[in-house]
């Protein structure tokens, strides 16, 4: 029988995204100010087995009402 880990996706404060970002080797370790420079609309982190697995940040990048997602 295969063991499945629980997946949780939830909206979080910017500080949580900064922590997760530091754990992703392929990404530069951006500071809180980097994420705050845009008016953020949505900040979400996914957890697998209670451990952060990834994140998505969305905002109006072009100030035209569109929604830009950055992973």
PDB file of N, CA and C in Angstrom:
ATOM      1  N   UNK A   1       0.833  -1.173   0.000  1.00  0.00           N
ATOM      2  CA  UNK A   1       0.000   0.000   0.000  1.00  0.00           C
ATOM      3  C   UNK A   1       0.887   1.249   0.000  1.00  0.00           C
ATOM      4  N   UNK A   2       0.545   2.217  -0.821  1.00  0.00           N
ATOM      5  CA  UNK A   2       1.320   3.444  -0.935  1.00  0.00           C
ATOM      6  C   UNK A   2       0.912   4.431   0.149  1.00  0.00           C
ATOM      7  N   UNK A   3       1.901   5.022   0.789  1.00  0.00           N
ATOM      8  CA  UNK A   3       1.637   6.034   1.810  1.00  0.00           C
ATOM      9  C   UNK A   3       1.467   7.387   1.135  1.00  0.00           C
ATOM     10  N   UNK A   4       0.378   8.070   1.425  1.00  0.00           N
ATOM     11  CA  UNK A   4       0.133   9.389   0.845  1.00  0.00           C
ATOM     12  C   UNK A   4       0.319  10.456   1.906  1.00  0.00           C
ATOM     13  N   UNK A   5       0.973  11.531   1.507  1.00  0.00           N
ATOM     14  CA  UNK A   5       1.163  12.651   2.415  1.00  0.00           C
ATOM     15  C   UNK A   5       0.064  13.674   2.162  1.00  0.00           C
ATOM     16  N   UNK A   6      -0.389  14.295   3.215  1.00  0.00           N
ATOM     17  CA  UNK A   6      -1.427  15.308   3.130  1.00  0.00           C
ATOM     18  C   UNK A   6      -0.861  16.572   2.486  1.00  0.00           C
ATOM     19  N   UNK A   7      -1.608  17.134   1.524  1.00  0.00           N
ATOM     20  CA  UNK A   7      -1.213  18.375   0.859  1.00  0.00           C
ATOM     21  C   UNK A   7      -2.125  19.486   1.360  1.00  0.00           C
ATOM     22  N   UNK A   8      -1.528  20.575   1.810  1.00  0.00           N
ATOM     23  CA  UNK A   8      -2.272  21.738   2.288  1.00  0.00           C
ATOM     24  C   UNK A   8      -1.800  22.950   1.498  1.00  0.00           C
ATOM     25  N   UNK A   9      -2.745  23.740   0.992  1.00  0.00           N
ATOM     26  CA  UNK A   9      -2.441  24.976   0.275  1.00  0.00           C
ATOM     27  C   UNK A   9      -3.186  26.089   1.003  1.00  0.00           C
ATOM     28  N   UNK A  10      -2.451  27.145   1.418  1.00  0.00           N
ATOM     29  CA  UNK A  10      -3.127  28.206   2.158  1.00  0.00           C
ATOM     30  C   UNK A  10      -2.478  29.559   1.919  1.00  0.00           C
ATOM     31  N   UNK A  11      -3.294  30.598   2.112  1.00  0.00           N
ATOM     32  CA  UNK A  11      -2.807  31.961   2.001  1.00  0.00           C
ATOM     33  C   UNK A  11      -1.972  32.268   3.241  1.00  0.00           C
ATOM     34  N   UNK A  12      -0.831  32.930   3.022  1.00  0.00           N
ATOM     35  CA  UNK A  12       0.112  33.184   4.114  1.00  0.00           C
ATOM     36  C   UNK A  12       0.660  34.609   4.036  1.00  0.00           C
ATOM     37  N   UNK A  13       1.264  35.097   5.124  1.00  0.00           N
ATOM     38  CA  UNK A  13       1.945  36.396   5.072  1.00  0.00           C
ATOM     39  C   UNK A  13       3.251  36.291   4.279  1.00  0.00           C
ATOM     40  N   UNK A  14       3.753  37.416   3.843  1.00  0.00           N
ATOM     41  CA  UNK A  14       4.983  37.462   3.040  1.00  0.00           C
ATOM     42  C   UNK A  14       6.148  36.775   3.743  1.00  0.00           C
ATOM     43  N   UNK A  15       6.238  36.896   5.052  1.00  0.00           N
ATOM     44  CA  UNK A  15       7.349  36.301   5.794  1.00  0.00           C
ATOM     45  C   UNK A  15       7.451  34.795   5.546  1.00  0.00           C
ATOM     46  N   UNK A  16       6.319  34.136   5.385  1.00  0.00           N
ATOM     47  CA  UNK A  16       6.319  32.687   5.134  1.00  0.00           C
ATOM     48  C   UNK A  16       6.893  32.378   3.751  1.00  0.00           C
ATOM     49  N   UNK A  17       6.555  33.192   2.761  1.00  0.00           N
ATOM     50  CA  UNK A  17       7.095  32.996   1.409  1.00  0.00           C
ATOM     51  C   UNK A  17       8.606  33.208   1.409  1.00  0.00           C
ATOM     52  N   UNK A  18       9.086  34.190   2.155  1.00  0.00           N
ATOM     53  CA  UNK A  18      10.532  34.438   2.247  1.00  0.00           C
ATOM     54  C   UNK A  18      11.235  33.198   2.798  1.00  0.00           C
ATOM     55  N   UNK A  19      10.661  32.575   3.826  1.00  0.00           N
ATOM     56  CA  UNK A  19      11.243  31.354   4.401  1.00  0.00           C
ATOM     57  C   UNK A  19      11.281  30.222   3.381  1.00  0.00           C
ATOM     58  N   UNK A  20      10.165  30.029   2.668  1.00  0.00           N
ATOM     59  CA  UNK A  20      10.097  28.944   1.680  1.00  0.00           C
ATOM     60  C   UNK A  20      11.060  29.216   0.534  1.00  0.00           C
ATOM     61  N   UNK A  21      11.127  30.468   0.093  1.00  0.00           N
ATOM     62  CA  UNK A  21      12.020  30.840  -1.006  1.00  0.00           C
ATOM     63  C   UNK A  21      13.464  30.466  -0.705  1.00  0.00           C
ATOM     64  N   UNK A  22      13.886  30.616   0.536  1.00  0.00           N
ATOM     65  CA  UNK A  22      15.262  30.284   0.924  1.00  0.00           C
ATOM     66  C   UNK A  22      15.555  28.789   0.810  1.00  0.00           C
ATOM     67  N   UNK A  23      14.525  27.955   0.812  1.00  0.00           N
ATOM     68  CA  UNK A  23      14.727  26.501   0.747  1.00  0.00           C
ATOM     69  C   UNK A  23      14.766  25.961  -0.674  1.00  0.00           C
ATOM     70  N   UNK A  24      14.444  26.802  -1.668  1.00  0.00           N
ATOM     71  CA  UNK A  24      14.414  26.353  -3.063  1.00  0.00           C
ATOM     72  C   UNK A  24      15.738  26.726  -3.719  1.00  0.00           C
ATOM     73  N   UNK A  25      16.574  25.740  -3.956  1.00  0.00           N
ATOM     74  CA  UNK A  25      17.938  25.971  -4.439  1.00  0.00           C
ATOM     75  C   UNK A  25      17.989  26.657  -5.799  1.00  0.00           C
ATOM     76  N   UNK A  26      16.968  26.439  -6.636  1.00  0.00           N
ATOM     77  CA  UNK A  26      16.966  27.018  -7.981  1.00  0.00           C
ATOM     78  C   UNK A  26      16.647  28.514  -7.973  1.00  0.00           C
ATOM     79  N   UNK A  27      16.098  29.031  -6.885  1.00  0.00           N
ATOM     80  CA  UNK A  27      15.721  30.443  -6.791  1.00  0.00           C
ATOM     81  C   UNK A  27      16.777  31.228  -6.030  1.00  0.00           C
ATOM     82  N   UNK A  28      16.901  32.500  -6.380  1.00  0.00           N
ATOM     83  CA  UNK A  28      17.742  33.385  -5.586  1.00  0.00           C
ATOM     84  C   UNK A  28      17.032  33.618  -4.256  1.00  0.00           C
ATOM     85  N   UNK A  29      17.771  33.799  -3.162  1.00  0.00           N
ATOM     86  CA  UNK A  29      17.134  34.021  -1.860  1.00  0.00           C
ATOM     87  C   UNK A  29      16.641  35.469  -1.716  1.00  0.00           C
ATOM     88  N   UNK A  30      15.462  35.744  -2.278  1.00  0.00           N
ATOM     89  CA  UNK A  30      14.909  37.097  -2.228  1.00  0.00           C
ATOM     90  C   UNK A  30      14.526  37.487  -0.805  1.00  0.00           C
ATOM     91  N   UNK A  31      14.721  38.751  -0.485  1.00  0.00           N
ATOM     92  CA  UNK A  31      14.357  39.279   0.829  1.00  0.00           C
ATOM     93  C   UNK A  31      12.903  39.749   0.809  1.00  0.00           C
ATOM     94  N   UNK A  32      12.379  40.024   1.979  1.00  0.00           N
ATOM     95  CA  UNK A  32      10.995  40.472   2.140  1.00  0.00           C
ATOM     96  C   UNK A  32      10.703  41.703   1.275  1.00  0.00           C
ATOM     97  N   UNK A  33      11.645  42.620   1.195  1.00  0.00           N
ATOM     98  CA  UNK A  33      11.458  43.858   0.431  1.00  0.00           C
ATOM     99  C   UNK A  33      11.204  43.574  -1.048  1.00  0.00           C
ATOM    100  N   UNK A  34      11.790  42.515  -1.573  1.00  0.00           N
ATOM    101  CA  UNK A  34      11.579  42.159  -2.980  1.00  0.00           C
ATOM    102  C   UNK A  34      10.107  41.846  -3.232  1.00  0.00           C
ATOM    103  N   UNK A  35       9.512  41.084  -2.332  1.00  0.00           N
ATOM    104  CA  UNK A  35       8.114  40.711  -2.487  1.00  0.00           C
ATOM    105  C   UNK A  35       7.183  41.884  -2.189  1.00  0.00           C
ATOM    106  N   UNK A  36       7.617  42.801  -1.349  1.00  0.00           N
ATOM    107  CA  UNK A  36       6.785  43.941  -0.968  1.00  0.00           C
ATOM    108  C   UNK A  36       6.816  45.072  -1.987  1.00  0.00           C
ATOM    109  N   UNK A  37       7.747  45.051  -2.934  1.00  0.00           N
ATOM    110  CA  UNK A  37       7.865  46.181  -3.860  1.00  0.00           C
ATOM    111  C   UNK A  37       6.654  46.308  -4.778  1.00  0.00           C
ATOM    112  N   UNK A  38       5.902  45.249  -4.940  1.00  0.00           N
ATOM    113  CA  UNK A  38       4.658  45.288  -5.707  1.00  0.00           C
ATOM    114  C   UNK A  38       3.484  45.183  -4.738  1.00  0.00           C
ATOM    115  N   UNK A  39       2.370  45.730  -5.140  1.00  0.00           N
ATOM    116  CA  UNK A  39       1.176  45.601  -4.310  1.00  0.00           C
ATOM    117  C   UNK A  39       0.671  44.177  -4.493  1.00  0.00           C
ATOM    118  N   UNK A  40       0.912  43.364  -3.500  1.00  0.00           N
ATOM    119  CA  UNK A  40       0.563  41.948  -3.602  1.00  0.00           C
ATOM    120  C   UNK A  40      -0.926  41.740  -3.399  1.00  0.00           C
ATOM    121  N   UNK A  41      -1.466  40.842  -4.175  1.00  0.00           N
ATOM    122  CA  UNK A  41      -2.871  40.497  -4.063  1.00  0.00           C
ATOM    123  C   UNK A  41      -3.057  39.127  -3.430  1.00  0.00           C
ATOM    124  N   UNK A  42      -2.123  38.230  -3.699  1.00  0.00           N
ATOM    125  CA  UNK A  42      -2.286  36.857  -3.252  1.00  0.00           C
ATOM    126  C   UNK A  42      -0.925  36.226  -2.979  1.00  0.00           C
ATOM    127  N   UNK A  43      -0.780  35.621  -1.818  1.00  0.00           N
ATOM    128  CA  UNK A  43       0.452  34.931  -1.439  1.00  0.00           C
ATOM    129  C   UNK A  43       0.036  33.571  -0.892  1.00  0.00           C
ATOM    130  N   UNK A  44       0.451  32.490  -1.562  1.00  0.00           N
ATOM    131  CA  UNK A  44       0.036  31.138  -1.184  1.00  0.00           C
ATOM    132  C   UNK A  44       1.260  30.235  -1.069  1.00  0.00           C
ATOM    133  N   UNK A  45       1.265  29.371  -0.055  1.00  0.00           N
ATOM    134  CA  UNK A  45       2.309  28.356   0.106  1.00  0.00           C
ATOM    135  C   UNK A  45       1.635  26.994   0.139  1.00  0.00           C
ATOM    136  N   UNK A  46       2.256  26.005  -0.504  1.00  0.00           N
ATOM    137  CA  UNK A  46       1.777  24.618  -0.469  1.00  0.00           C
ATOM    138  C   UNK A  46       2.684  23.821   0.459  1.00  0.00           C
ATOM    139  N   UNK A  47       2.076  22.971   1.262  1.00  0.00           N
ATOM    140  CA  UNK A  47       2.807  22.126   2.208  1.00  0.00           C
ATOM    141  C   UNK A  47       2.487  20.670   1.898  1.00  0.00           C
ATOM    142  N   UNK A  48       3.489  19.814   1.899  1.00  0.00           N
ATOM    143  CA  UNK A  48       3.302  18.371   1.715  1.00  0.00           C
ATOM    144  C   UNK A  48       3.863  17.695   2.958  1.00  0.00           C
ATOM    145  N   UNK A  49       3.032  16.944   3.626  1.00  0.00           N
ATOM    146  CA  UNK A  49       3.466  16.295   4.859  1.00  0.00           C
ATOM    147  C   UNK A  49       3.915  17.283   5.916  1.00  0.00           C
ATOM    148  N   UNK A  50       3.314  18.469   5.925  1.00  0.00           N
ATOM    149  CA  UNK A  50       3.662  19.495   6.904  1.00  0.00           C
ATOM    150  C   UNK A  50       4.882  20.321   6.560  1.00  0.00           C
ATOM    151  N   UNK A  51       5.566  20.004   5.462  1.00  0.00           N
ATOM    152  CA  UNK A  51       6.769  20.730   5.047  1.00  0.00           C
ATOM    153  C   UNK A  51       6.451  21.615   3.845  1.00  0.00           C
ATOM    154  N   UNK A  52       6.979  22.847   3.790  1.00  0.00           N
ATOM    155  CA  UNK A  52       6.725  23.708   2.641  1.00  0.00           C
ATOM    156  C   UNK A  52       7.284  23.091   1.365  1.00  0.00           C
ATOM    157  N   UNK A  53       6.466  23.113   0.301  1.00  0.00           N
ATOM    158  CA  UNK A  53       6.865  22.495  -0.961  1.00  0.00           C
ATOM    159  C   UNK A  53       6.973  23.502  -2.100  1.00  0.00           C
ATOM    160  N   UNK A  54       6.354  24.657  -1.969  1.00  0.00           N
ATOM    161  CA  UNK A  54       6.404  25.655  -3.024  1.00  0.00           C
ATOM    162  C   UNK A  54       5.496  26.818  -2.699  1.00  0.00           C
ATOM    163  N   UNK A  55       5.530  27.841  -3.552  1.00  0.00           N
ATOM    164  CA  UNK A  55       4.684  29.008  -3.324  1.00  0.00           C
ATOM    165  C   UNK A  55       4.335  29.681  -4.635  1.00  0.00           C
ATOM    166  N   UNK A  56       3.339  30.559  -4.569  1.00  0.00           N
ATOM    167  CA  UNK A  56       2.960  31.386  -5.706  1.00  0.00           C
ATOM    168  C   UNK A  56       2.610  32.769  -5.170  1.00  0.00           C
ATOM    169  N   UNK A  57       3.046  33.791  -5.881  1.00  0.00           N
ATOM    170  CA  UNK A  57       2.763  35.171  -5.518  1.00  0.00           C
ATOM    171  C   UNK A  57       2.079  35.811  -6.716  1.00  0.00           C
ATOM    172  N   UNK A  58       0.931  36.428  -6.486  1.00  0.00           N
ATOM    173  CA  UNK A  58       0.204  37.063  -7.580  1.00  0.00           C
ATOM    174  C   UNK A  58      -0.084  38.521  -7.280  1.00  0.00           C
ATOM    175  N   UNK A  59      -0.014  39.367  -8.321  1.00  0.00           N
ATOM    176  CA  UNK A  59      -0.277  40.796  -8.139  1.00  0.00           C
ATOM    177  C   UNK A  59      -0.553  41.443  -9.487  1.00  0.00           C
ATOM    178  N   UNK A  60      -0.974  42.697  -9.462  1.00  0.00           N
ATOM    179  CA  UNK A  60      -1.262  43.463 -10.675  1.00  0.00           C
ATOM    180  C   UNK A  60       0.042  44.104 -11.153  1.00  0.00           C
ATOM    181  N   UNK A  61       0.822  43.353 -11.901  1.00  0.00           N
ATOM    182  CA  UNK A  61       2.162  43.777 -12.329  1.00  0.00           C
ATOM    183  C   UNK A  61       2.145  45.033 -13.200  1.00  0.00           C
ATOM    184  N   UNK A  62       1.143  45.149 -14.058  1.00  0.00           N
ATOM    185  CA  UNK A  62       1.119  46.237 -15.035  1.00  0.00           C
ATOM    186  C   UNK A  62       0.158  47.366 -14.647  1.00  0.00           C
ATOM    187  N   UNK A  63      -0.418  47.278 -13.439  1.00  0.00           N
ATOM    188  CA  UNK A  63      -1.378  48.284 -12.963  1.00  0.00           C
ATOM    189  C   UNK A  63      -2.514  48.522 -13.951  1.00  0.00           C
ATOM    190  N   UNK A  64      -2.968  47.432 -14.576  1.00  0.00           N
ATOM    191  CA  UNK A  64      -4.073  47.534 -15.531  1.00  0.00           C
ATOM    192  C   UNK A  64      -5.235  46.608 -15.168  1.00  0.00           C
ATOM    193  N   UNK A  65      -5.205  46.082 -13.943  1.00  0.00           N
ATOM    194  CA  UNK A  65      -6.262  45.187 -13.502  1.00  0.00           C
ATOM    195  C   UNK A  65      -6.009  43.729 -13.826  1.00  0.00           C
ATOM    196  N   UNK A  66      -4.912  43.438 -14.529  1.00  0.00           N
ATOM    197  CA  UNK A  66      -4.587  42.042 -14.843  1.00  0.00           C
ATOM    198  C   UNK A  66      -3.959  41.386 -13.613  1.00  0.00           C
ATOM    199  N   UNK A  67      -3.840  40.076 -13.651  1.00  0.00           N
ATOM    200  CA  UNK A  67      -3.295  39.339 -12.509  1.00  0.00           C
ATOM    201  C   UNK A  67      -2.081  38.556 -12.973  1.00  0.00           C
ATOM    202  N   UNK A  68      -0.913  38.879 -12.441  1.00  0.00           N
ATOM    203  CA  UNK A  68       0.349  38.242 -12.797  1.00  0.00           C
ATOM    204  C   UNK A  68       0.735  37.291 -11.678  1.00  0.00           C
ATOM    205  N   UNK A  69       1.043  36.058 -12.028  1.00  0.00           N
ATOM    206  CA  UNK A  69       1.464  35.069 -11.035  1.00  0.00           C
ATOM    207  C   UNK A  69       2.944  34.781 -11.192  1.00  0.00           C
ATOM    208  N   UNK A  70       3.647  34.795 -10.088  1.00  0.00           N
ATOM    209  CA  UNK A  70       5.077  34.509 -10.071  1.00  0.00           C
ATOM    210  C   UNK A  70       5.307  33.349  -9.130  1.00  0.00           C
ATOM    211  N   UNK A  71       6.004  32.340  -9.601  1.00  0.00           N
ATOM    212  CA  UNK A  71       6.272  31.154  -8.785  1.00  0.00           C
ATOM    213  C   UNK A  71       7.746  31.126  -8.440  1.00  0.00           C
TER     214      UNK A  71
END
